[in-house]
Amino acid sequence: ELEARLRTVRDKLMEADIVEQVKRQAKDGVTPEEGQVVRDLCQAQVDRPIDEYRPRVIISYATGTRDTWHGYEHDLDGEGCGLGMKYCQIVVRQLERVGIQCFSGLHVAGGYNWRIYFERLRVGIQCF
């Protein structure tokens, strides 16, 4: 019981920290290092080879990189990073807390084509 309560407190603190990060990153940007933390969190949830990892919940998100190429006057986010990935992190953490596995492009480790997401989506749609 004590361990469960400690886990709940830890989860609440992590959740509050993520919300504070997003508030700061909304104006300061998401660095490549911060983006990698999100990827690491998601990839740590994959408990088998990625080709065999097929959770029933698939999350779609837009990274939302804010840079000069997208019309901003200066690069705010690191390459491949943005608030969308942070919002996805919040959803992933909430699902994890209640024992629901999920999948997004962030769950795919380097060396694999992240477009595997679309294959999962195509197969999932056929299941309905």
N, C-alpha and C. Protein backbone atom coordinates (compact mmCIF):
# COMPACT_ATOMS: atom_id res chain seq x y z
N GLU A 1 0.83 -1.19 0.00
CA GLU A 1 0.00 0.00 0.00
C GLU A 1 0.87 1.26 0.00
N LEU A 2 1.90 1.29 0.83
CA LEU A 2 2.78 2.46 0.88
C LEU A 2 3.45 2.68 -0.46
N GLU A 3 3.88 1.60 -1.09
CA GLU A 3 4.54 1.73 -2.38
C GLU A 3 3.59 2.29 -3.44
N ALA A 4 2.35 1.88 -3.41
CA ALA A 4 1.35 2.39 -4.35
C ALA A 4 1.12 3.89 -4.13
N ARG A 5 1.08 4.29 -2.88
CA ARG A 5 0.89 5.72 -2.58
C ARG A 5 2.10 6.53 -3.02
N LEU A 6 3.31 6.00 -2.80
CA LEU A 6 4.52 6.69 -3.26
C LEU A 6 4.53 6.81 -4.78
N ARG A 7 4.11 5.76 -5.47
CA ARG A 7 4.04 5.79 -6.93
C ARG A 7 3.06 6.88 -7.40
N THR A 8 1.94 7.00 -6.70
CA THR A 8 0.95 8.03 -7.03
C THR A 8 1.54 9.43 -6.85
N VAL A 9 2.25 9.64 -5.76
CA VAL A 9 2.88 10.95 -5.51
C VAL A 9 3.92 11.23 -6.58
N ARG A 10 4.75 10.24 -6.90
CA ARG A 10 5.77 10.42 -7.94
C ARG A 10 5.13 10.79 -9.27
N ASP A 11 4.06 10.08 -9.62
CA ASP A 11 3.38 10.36 -10.88
C ASP A 11 2.80 11.77 -10.92
N LYS A 12 2.23 12.21 -9.81
CA LYS A 12 1.66 13.57 -9.74
C LYS A 12 2.77 14.62 -9.89
N LEU A 13 3.91 14.38 -9.25
CA LEU A 13 5.02 15.32 -9.37
C LEU A 13 5.55 15.37 -10.80
N MET A 14 5.66 14.21 -11.44
CA MET A 14 6.13 14.17 -12.82
C MET A 14 5.14 14.89 -13.74
N GLU A 15 3.86 14.68 -13.49
CA GLU A 15 2.82 15.34 -14.29
C GLU A 15 2.91 16.86 -14.14
N ALA A 16 3.06 17.32 -12.92
CA ALA A 16 3.18 18.77 -12.67
C ALA A 16 4.42 19.33 -13.36
N ASP A 17 5.52 18.57 -13.33
CA ASP A 17 6.75 19.00 -13.98
C ASP A 17 6.57 19.11 -15.48
N ILE A 18 5.88 18.14 -16.08
CA ILE A 18 5.65 18.17 -17.53
C ILE A 18 4.81 19.40 -17.89
N VAL A 19 3.78 19.68 -17.12
CA VAL A 19 2.93 20.84 -17.39
C VAL A 19 3.75 22.13 -17.31
N GLU A 20 4.61 22.24 -16.31
CA GLU A 20 5.48 23.42 -16.18
C GLU A 20 6.44 23.52 -17.36
N GLN A 21 6.98 22.38 -17.80
CA GLN A 21 7.87 22.38 -18.97
C GLN A 21 7.14 22.91 -20.19
N VAL A 22 5.92 22.43 -20.41
CA VAL A 22 5.16 22.86 -21.59
C VAL A 22 4.88 24.36 -21.53
N LYS A 23 4.56 24.87 -20.36
CA LYS A 23 4.34 26.32 -20.22
C LYS A 23 5.59 27.10 -20.64
N ARG A 24 6.74 26.65 -20.16
CA ARG A 24 7.99 27.32 -20.51
C ARG A 24 8.31 27.15 -21.99
N GLN A 25 8.13 25.93 -22.50
CA GLN A 25 8.48 25.65 -23.89
C GLN A 25 7.54 26.33 -24.87
N ALA A 26 6.35 26.70 -24.43
CA ALA A 26 5.43 27.42 -25.30
C ALA A 26 6.04 28.74 -25.75
N LYS A 27 6.85 29.35 -24.88
CA LYS A 27 7.48 30.62 -25.27
C LYS A 27 8.97 30.47 -25.58
N ASP A 28 9.65 29.51 -24.96
CA ASP A 28 11.09 29.36 -25.15
C ASP A 28 11.49 28.31 -26.18
N GLY A 29 10.56 27.40 -26.52
CA GLY A 29 10.87 26.35 -27.49
C GLY A 29 11.25 25.03 -26.82
N VAL A 30 11.25 23.99 -27.64
CA VAL A 30 11.62 22.64 -27.20
C VAL A 30 12.98 22.32 -27.78
N THR A 31 13.96 22.09 -26.93
CA THR A 31 15.32 21.82 -27.39
C THR A 31 15.42 20.38 -27.89
N PRO A 32 16.45 20.09 -28.70
CA PRO A 32 16.65 18.69 -29.13
C PRO A 32 16.81 17.73 -27.94
N GLU A 33 17.45 18.19 -26.89
CA GLU A 33 17.64 17.34 -25.71
C GLU A 33 16.30 17.04 -25.03
N GLU A 34 15.45 18.04 -24.94
CA GLU A 34 14.13 17.84 -24.34
C GLU A 34 13.28 16.92 -25.21
N GLY A 35 13.40 17.08 -26.52
CA GLY A 35 12.69 16.19 -27.43
C GLY A 35 13.15 14.75 -27.28
N GLN A 36 14.45 14.56 -27.06
CA GLN A 36 14.97 13.21 -26.89
C GLN A 36 14.45 12.57 -25.61
N VAL A 37 14.25 13.35 -24.57
CA VAL A 37 13.67 12.82 -23.33
C VAL A 37 12.28 12.25 -23.60
N VAL A 38 11.49 12.96 -24.42
CA VAL A 38 10.15 12.48 -24.77
C VAL A 38 10.26 11.17 -25.55
N ARG A 39 11.14 11.13 -26.53
CA ARG A 39 11.33 9.91 -27.32
C ARG A 39 11.77 8.74 -26.43
N ASP A 40 12.70 9.02 -25.53
CA ASP A 40 13.19 7.96 -24.63
C ASP A 40 12.06 7.42 -23.76
N LEU A 41 11.20 8.31 -23.25
CA LEU A 41 10.08 7.88 -22.43
C LEU A 41 9.16 6.95 -23.22
N CYS A 42 8.84 7.35 -24.43
CA CYS A 42 7.94 6.54 -25.26
C CYS A 42 8.59 5.22 -25.66
N GLN A 43 9.85 5.27 -26.05
CA GLN A 43 10.53 4.06 -26.50
C GLN A 43 10.76 3.08 -25.36
N ALA A 44 10.85 3.58 -24.13
CA ALA A 44 11.01 2.70 -22.97
C ALA A 44 9.75 1.87 -22.72
N GLN A 45 8.62 2.29 -23.25
CA GLN A 45 7.38 1.55 -23.07
C GLN A 45 7.27 0.34 -24.00
N VAL A 46 8.07 0.31 -25.03
CA VAL A 46 8.02 -0.78 -26.00
C VAL A 46 8.71 -1.99 -25.37
N ASP A 47 7.89 -2.99 -25.01
CA ASP A 47 8.39 -4.13 -24.24
C ASP A 47 8.69 -5.36 -25.08
N ARG A 48 8.77 -5.19 -26.40
CA ARG A 48 9.11 -6.28 -27.31
C ARG A 48 9.64 -5.65 -28.59
N PRO A 49 10.14 -6.43 -29.53
CA PRO A 49 10.60 -5.82 -30.79
C PRO A 49 9.49 -4.98 -31.41
N ILE A 50 9.86 -3.86 -32.00
CA ILE A 50 8.88 -2.91 -32.52
C ILE A 50 7.94 -3.56 -33.53
N ASP A 51 8.44 -4.54 -34.28
CA ASP A 51 7.59 -5.22 -35.26
C ASP A 51 6.49 -6.04 -34.60
N GLU A 52 6.67 -6.37 -33.33
CA GLU A 52 5.69 -7.18 -32.60
C GLU A 52 4.86 -6.33 -31.62
N TYR A 53 5.21 -5.08 -31.48
CA TYR A 53 4.52 -4.19 -30.53
C TYR A 53 3.28 -3.62 -31.20
N ARG A 54 2.10 -4.07 -30.78
CA ARG A 54 0.85 -3.66 -31.42
C ARG A 54 -0.23 -3.33 -30.39
N PRO A 55 -0.04 -2.26 -29.64
CA PRO A 55 -1.09 -1.88 -28.68
C PRO A 55 -2.35 -1.44 -29.41
N ARG A 56 -3.45 -1.47 -28.72
CA ARG A 56 -4.74 -1.15 -29.33
C ARG A 56 -4.98 0.36 -29.46
N VAL A 57 -4.19 1.17 -28.77
CA VAL A 57 -4.35 2.63 -28.81
C VAL A 57 -3.22 3.24 -29.63
N ILE A 58 -3.59 4.02 -30.64
CA ILE A 58 -2.62 4.71 -31.48
C ILE A 58 -2.87 6.21 -31.34
N ILE A 59 -1.79 6.94 -31.08
CA ILE A 59 -1.90 8.39 -30.89
C ILE A 59 -1.34 9.09 -32.13
N SER A 60 -2.12 10.02 -32.64
CA SER A 60 -1.67 10.85 -33.73
C SER A 60 -1.36 12.23 -33.17
N TYR A 61 -0.27 12.82 -33.60
CA TYR A 61 0.10 14.16 -33.13
C TYR A 61 0.88 14.86 -34.23
N ALA A 62 0.93 16.15 -34.17
CA ALA A 62 1.78 16.94 -35.07
C ALA A 62 2.88 17.56 -34.21
N THR A 63 4.10 17.36 -34.59
CA THR A 63 5.23 17.89 -33.81
C THR A 63 5.09 19.39 -33.62
N GLY A 64 4.76 20.09 -34.69
CA GLY A 64 4.53 21.53 -34.59
C GLY A 64 5.79 22.35 -34.44
N THR A 65 6.84 21.98 -35.15
CA THR A 65 8.10 22.72 -35.06
C THR A 65 7.91 24.17 -35.45
N ARG A 66 8.34 25.05 -34.58
CA ARG A 66 8.26 26.49 -34.82
C ARG A 66 9.64 26.99 -35.23
N ASP A 67 9.82 27.19 -36.54
CA ASP A 67 11.11 27.63 -37.06
C ASP A 67 10.90 28.55 -38.26
N THR A 68 12.00 29.07 -38.80
CA THR A 68 11.90 30.03 -39.90
C THR A 68 11.26 29.39 -41.13
N TRP A 69 11.49 28.12 -41.35
CA TRP A 69 10.91 27.43 -42.50
C TRP A 69 9.38 27.43 -42.41
N HIS A 70 8.85 27.42 -41.18
CA HIS A 70 7.40 27.43 -40.98
C HIS A 70 6.86 28.85 -40.75
N GLY A 71 7.67 29.88 -41.05
CA GLY A 71 7.19 31.25 -41.00
C GLY A 71 7.52 32.03 -39.73
N TYR A 72 8.26 31.45 -38.81
CA TYR A 72 8.65 32.17 -37.60
C TYR A 72 9.90 33.00 -37.91
N GLU A 73 10.07 34.11 -37.18
CA GLU A 73 11.22 34.97 -37.49
C GLU A 73 12.55 34.38 -37.02
N HIS A 74 12.51 33.42 -36.11
CA HIS A 74 13.73 32.68 -35.74
C HIS A 74 13.33 31.27 -35.31
N ASP A 75 14.31 30.38 -35.27
CA ASP A 75 14.05 29.00 -34.87
C ASP A 75 13.79 28.94 -33.37
N LEU A 76 12.60 28.49 -33.02
CA LEU A 76 12.23 28.39 -31.62
C LEU A 76 12.46 26.97 -31.09
N ASP A 77 12.13 25.97 -31.91
CA ASP A 77 12.27 24.57 -31.50
C ASP A 77 13.44 23.91 -32.22
N GLY A 78 14.02 22.91 -31.56
CA GLY A 78 15.06 22.12 -32.20
C GLY A 78 14.48 21.31 -33.35
N GLU A 79 15.33 20.85 -34.24
CA GLU A 79 14.89 20.06 -35.38
C GLU A 79 14.11 18.83 -34.94
N GLY A 80 12.93 18.65 -35.51
CA GLY A 80 12.10 17.50 -35.17
C GLY A 80 11.41 17.61 -33.82
N CYS A 81 11.42 18.80 -33.22
CA CYS A 81 10.83 18.99 -31.89
C CYS A 81 9.74 20.05 -31.96
N GLY A 82 8.85 20.04 -30.98
CA GLY A 82 7.80 21.04 -30.91
C GLY A 82 6.81 20.70 -29.81
N LEU A 83 5.88 21.61 -29.58
CA LEU A 83 4.92 21.40 -28.50
C LEU A 83 4.04 20.18 -28.71
N GLY A 84 3.78 19.81 -29.96
CA GLY A 84 2.94 18.64 -30.22
C GLY A 84 3.48 17.38 -29.58
N MET A 85 4.79 17.23 -29.61
CA MET A 85 5.38 16.03 -28.99
C MET A 85 5.24 16.10 -27.47
N LYS A 86 5.26 17.29 -26.91
CA LYS A 86 5.08 17.43 -25.46
C LYS A 86 3.64 17.11 -25.06
N TYR A 87 2.68 17.55 -25.87
CA TYR A 87 1.28 17.21 -25.60
C TYR A 87 1.08 15.70 -25.71
N CYS A 88 1.74 15.09 -26.69
CA CYS A 88 1.67 13.64 -26.84
C CYS A 88 2.24 12.95 -25.60
N GLN A 89 3.33 13.48 -25.07
CA GLN A 89 3.94 12.93 -23.87
C GLN A 89 2.94 12.92 -22.71
N ILE A 90 2.18 13.97 -22.57
CA ILE A 90 1.19 14.04 -21.49
C ILE A 90 0.15 12.93 -21.65
N VAL A 91 -0.33 12.74 -22.88
CA VAL A 91 -1.33 11.69 -23.12
C VAL A 91 -0.73 10.31 -22.86
N VAL A 92 0.49 10.08 -23.35
CA VAL A 92 1.16 8.80 -23.14
C VAL A 92 1.32 8.51 -21.65
N ARG A 93 1.74 9.50 -20.88
CA ARG A 93 1.92 9.31 -19.43
C ARG A 93 0.59 8.99 -18.74
N GLN A 94 -0.47 9.68 -19.14
CA GLN A 94 -1.77 9.43 -18.52
C GLN A 94 -2.24 8.01 -18.82
N LEU A 95 -2.07 7.57 -20.05
CA LEU A 95 -2.46 6.20 -20.40
C LEU A 95 -1.60 5.18 -19.65
N GLU A 96 -0.31 5.46 -19.57
CA GLU A 96 0.60 4.56 -18.86
C GLU A 96 0.19 4.41 -17.39
N ARG A 97 -0.21 5.51 -16.78
CA ARG A 97 -0.59 5.48 -15.36
C ARG A 97 -1.75 4.55 -15.09
N VAL A 98 -2.63 4.36 -16.08
CA VAL A 98 -3.78 3.47 -15.88
C VAL A 98 -3.59 2.13 -16.59
N GLY A 99 -2.36 1.86 -17.00
CA GLY A 99 -2.03 0.55 -17.56
C GLY A 99 -2.42 0.34 -19.01
N ILE A 100 -2.56 1.41 -19.77
CA ILE A 100 -2.93 1.28 -21.18
C ILE A 100 -1.71 1.56 -22.05
N GLN A 101 -1.30 0.55 -22.81
CA GLN A 101 -0.19 0.73 -23.74
C GLN A 101 -0.69 1.48 -24.97
N CYS A 102 0.18 2.26 -25.58
CA CYS A 102 -0.19 3.01 -26.78
C CYS A 102 1.00 3.05 -27.72
N PHE A 103 0.76 3.61 -28.90
CA PHE A 103 1.79 3.70 -29.93
C PHE A 103 1.68 5.02 -30.65
N SER A 104 2.81 5.63 -30.93
CA SER A 104 2.90 6.83 -31.76
C SER A 104 4.24 6.78 -32.49
N GLY A 105 4.47 7.73 -33.37
CA GLY A 105 5.77 7.78 -34.04
C GLY A 105 6.92 7.95 -33.06
N LEU A 106 6.65 8.50 -31.88
CA LEU A 106 7.69 8.70 -30.86
C LEU A 106 8.15 7.38 -30.25
N HIS A 107 7.36 6.34 -30.40
CA HIS A 107 7.70 5.03 -29.84
C HIS A 107 8.73 4.28 -30.70
N VAL A 108 9.00 4.78 -31.89
CA VAL A 108 9.89 4.10 -32.83
C VAL A 108 11.31 4.61 -32.63
N ALA A 109 12.21 3.72 -32.26
CA ALA A 109 13.61 4.09 -31.99
C ALA A 109 14.34 4.45 -33.28
N GLY A 110 15.42 5.21 -33.13
CA GLY A 110 16.28 5.53 -34.26
C GLY A 110 16.74 4.26 -34.96
N GLY A 111 16.90 4.34 -36.26
CA GLY A 111 17.29 3.16 -37.03
C GLY A 111 16.09 2.47 -37.65
N TYR A 112 14.90 2.78 -37.14
CA TYR A 112 13.66 2.28 -37.74
C TYR A 112 12.97 3.45 -38.41
N ASN A 113 12.23 3.17 -39.45
CA ASN A 113 11.49 4.23 -40.12
C ASN A 113 10.25 4.54 -39.29
N TRP A 114 10.11 5.78 -38.81
CA TRP A 114 8.97 6.15 -37.96
C TRP A 114 7.66 6.00 -38.71
N ARG A 115 7.71 5.88 -40.03
CA ARG A 115 6.48 5.73 -40.80
C ARG A 115 5.80 4.38 -40.55
N ILE A 116 6.44 3.53 -39.75
CA ILE A 116 5.81 2.29 -39.31
C ILE A 116 4.47 2.63 -38.63
N TYR A 117 4.37 3.84 -38.12
CA TYR A 117 3.13 4.33 -37.51
C TYR A 117 1.96 4.18 -38.48
N PHE A 118 2.19 4.57 -39.75
CA PHE A 118 1.11 4.51 -40.74
C PHE A 118 0.70 3.07 -41.01
N GLU A 119 1.65 2.15 -40.98
CA GLU A 119 1.32 0.74 -41.14
C GLU A 119 0.43 0.27 -39.99
N ARG A 120 0.79 0.67 -38.76
CA ARG A 120 -0.03 0.30 -37.60
C ARG A 120 -1.45 0.87 -37.74
N LEU A 121 -1.52 2.10 -38.20
CA LEU A 121 -2.81 2.75 -38.37
C LEU A 121 -3.65 2.03 -39.42
N ARG A 122 -3.02 1.69 -40.55
CA ARG A 122 -3.73 1.01 -41.63
C ARG A 122 -4.26 -0.34 -41.15
N VAL A 123 -3.42 -1.11 -40.48
CA VAL A 123 -3.83 -2.42 -39.96
C VAL A 123 -4.92 -2.25 -38.91
N GLY A 124 -4.79 -1.26 -38.04
CA GLY A 124 -5.78 -1.03 -36.99
C GLY A 124 -7.14 -0.68 -37.55
N ILE A 125 -7.18 0.12 -38.60
CA ILE A 125 -8.45 0.51 -39.19
C ILE A 125 -9.15 -0.71 -39.77
N GLN A 126 -8.40 -1.64 -40.33
CA GLN A 126 -8.99 -2.84 -40.91
C GLN A 126 -9.62 -3.74 -39.84
N CYS A 127 -9.20 -3.58 -38.60
CA CYS A 127 -9.72 -4.42 -37.52
C CYS A 127 -11.12 -4.02 -37.10
N PHE A 128 -11.58 -2.83 -37.44
CA PHE A 128 -12.90 -2.36 -37.00
C PHE A 128 -13.98 -2.77 -37.94
